Protein backbone atom coordinates (compact mmCIF):
# COMPACT_ATOMS: atom_id res chain seq x y z
CA UNK A 1 -53.89 19.56 -23.66
CA UNK A 2 -53.15 18.10 -27.07
CA UNK A 3 -52.73 14.35 -27.26
CA UNK A 4 -49.42 12.80 -28.32
CA UNK A 5 -47.15 15.85 -28.07
CA UNK A 6 -46.09 15.68 -24.40
CA UNK A 7 -43.20 13.54 -23.12
CA UNK A 8 -43.81 10.63 -20.78
CA UNK A 9 -43.12 12.33 -17.42
CA UNK A 10 -43.10 9.78 -14.61
CA UNK A 11 -41.14 8.52 -11.62
CA UNK A 12 -37.85 6.87 -12.64
CA UNK A 13 -35.34 5.01 -10.45
CA UNK A 14 -31.75 6.08 -11.15
CA UNK A 15 -29.02 3.64 -10.06
CA UNK A 16 -25.34 4.58 -9.71
CA UNK A 17 -23.38 1.61 -11.10
CA UNK A 18 -20.17 2.47 -9.23
CA UNK A 19 -21.64 2.12 -5.72
CA UNK A 20 -25.22 0.87 -6.14
CA UNK A 21 -26.97 3.88 -4.66
CA UNK A 22 -30.51 4.54 -5.89
CA UNK A 23 -32.68 7.64 -6.04
CA UNK A 24 -36.15 8.20 -7.44
CA UNK A 25 -37.15 11.37 -9.23
CA UNK A 26 -39.65 12.31 -11.88
CA UNK A 27 -38.09 12.33 -15.35
CA UNK A 28 -38.72 11.98 -19.08
CA UNK A 29 -35.67 9.74 -19.56
CA UNK A 30 -36.26 6.87 -21.98
CA UNK A 31 -35.65 3.49 -20.38
CA UNK A 32 -35.96 -0.12 -21.49
CA UNK A 33 -35.49 -1.81 -18.10
CA UNK A 34 -37.57 -1.81 -14.93
CA UNK A 35 -36.71 -2.44 -11.29
CA UNK A 36 -38.86 -3.83 -8.47
CA UNK A 37 -38.41 -1.79 -5.29
CA UNK A 38 -38.69 -2.96 -1.68
CA UNK A 39 -42.08 -1.28 -1.28
CA UNK A 40 -43.53 -3.34 -4.17
CA UNK A 41 -43.49 -0.62 -6.84
CA UNK A 42 -42.06 -1.38 -10.27
CA UNK A 43 -40.37 1.66 -11.83
CA UNK A 44 -38.39 2.32 -15.01
CA UNK A 45 -34.64 1.94 -14.41
CA UNK A 46 -31.97 4.34 -15.64
CA UNK A 47 -28.33 3.33 -15.03
CA UNK A 48 -25.69 6.00 -14.34
CA UNK A 49 -21.91 5.65 -14.46
CA UNK A 50 -21.48 8.23 -11.70
CA UNK A 51 -23.68 10.47 -9.58
CA UNK A 52 -23.21 12.90 -6.71
CA UNK A 53 -22.88 9.86 -4.41
CA UNK A 54 -19.71 8.64 -6.16
CA UNK A 55 -18.23 11.63 -8.03
CA UNK A 56 -14.87 12.72 -6.51
CA UNK A 57 -15.88 16.40 -6.48
CA UNK A 58 -18.89 15.75 -4.25
CA UNK A 59 -17.34 13.05 -2.06
CA UNK A 60 -14.15 15.02 -1.35
CA UNK A 61 -11.82 12.31 -2.64
CA UNK A 62 -10.40 14.23 -5.57
CA UNK A 63 -6.64 14.16 -5.97
CA UNK A 64 -4.44 17.19 -5.84
CA UNK A 65 -2.40 17.99 -8.92
CA UNK A 66 0.69 18.51 -6.78
CA UNK A 67 0.72 14.87 -5.59
CA UNK A 68 1.45 13.56 -9.08
CA UNK A 69 5.20 13.16 -8.67
CA UNK A 70 6.02 16.82 -8.04
CA UNK A 71 5.17 17.96 -11.56
CA UNK A 72 3.99 21.35 -10.35
CA UNK A 73 7.22 21.95 -8.45
CA UNK A 74 9.30 20.92 -11.46
CA UNK A 75 7.37 23.37 -13.62
CA UNK A 76 7.75 26.20 -11.13
CA UNK A 77 11.49 25.64 -10.71
CA UNK A 78 12.05 25.38 -14.47
CA UNK A 79 10.18 28.57 -15.37
CA UNK A 80 10.86 30.65 -12.24
CA UNK A 81 13.63 32.56 -14.02
CA UNK A 82 11.47 33.30 -17.07
CA UNK A 83 9.01 35.40 -15.04
CA UNK A 84 11.70 37.81 -13.77
């Protein structure tokens, strides 16, 4: 393998800032911070705004469009005659 052309592929700790969940995977993500884990390892830290642990699509807490003040029903009643 040539020297200096490959990315730095190593274990990185990703932390979800919205709920504090952590997961460790191998990645090439550039990081400036490190984190000390419970098992004594010190890994690069990458902070995420949201992950599958907190995203509404994966957690099942997404809101229905119809619960926003009946906007869908207003639209349907307004344009029901136009479709006929």
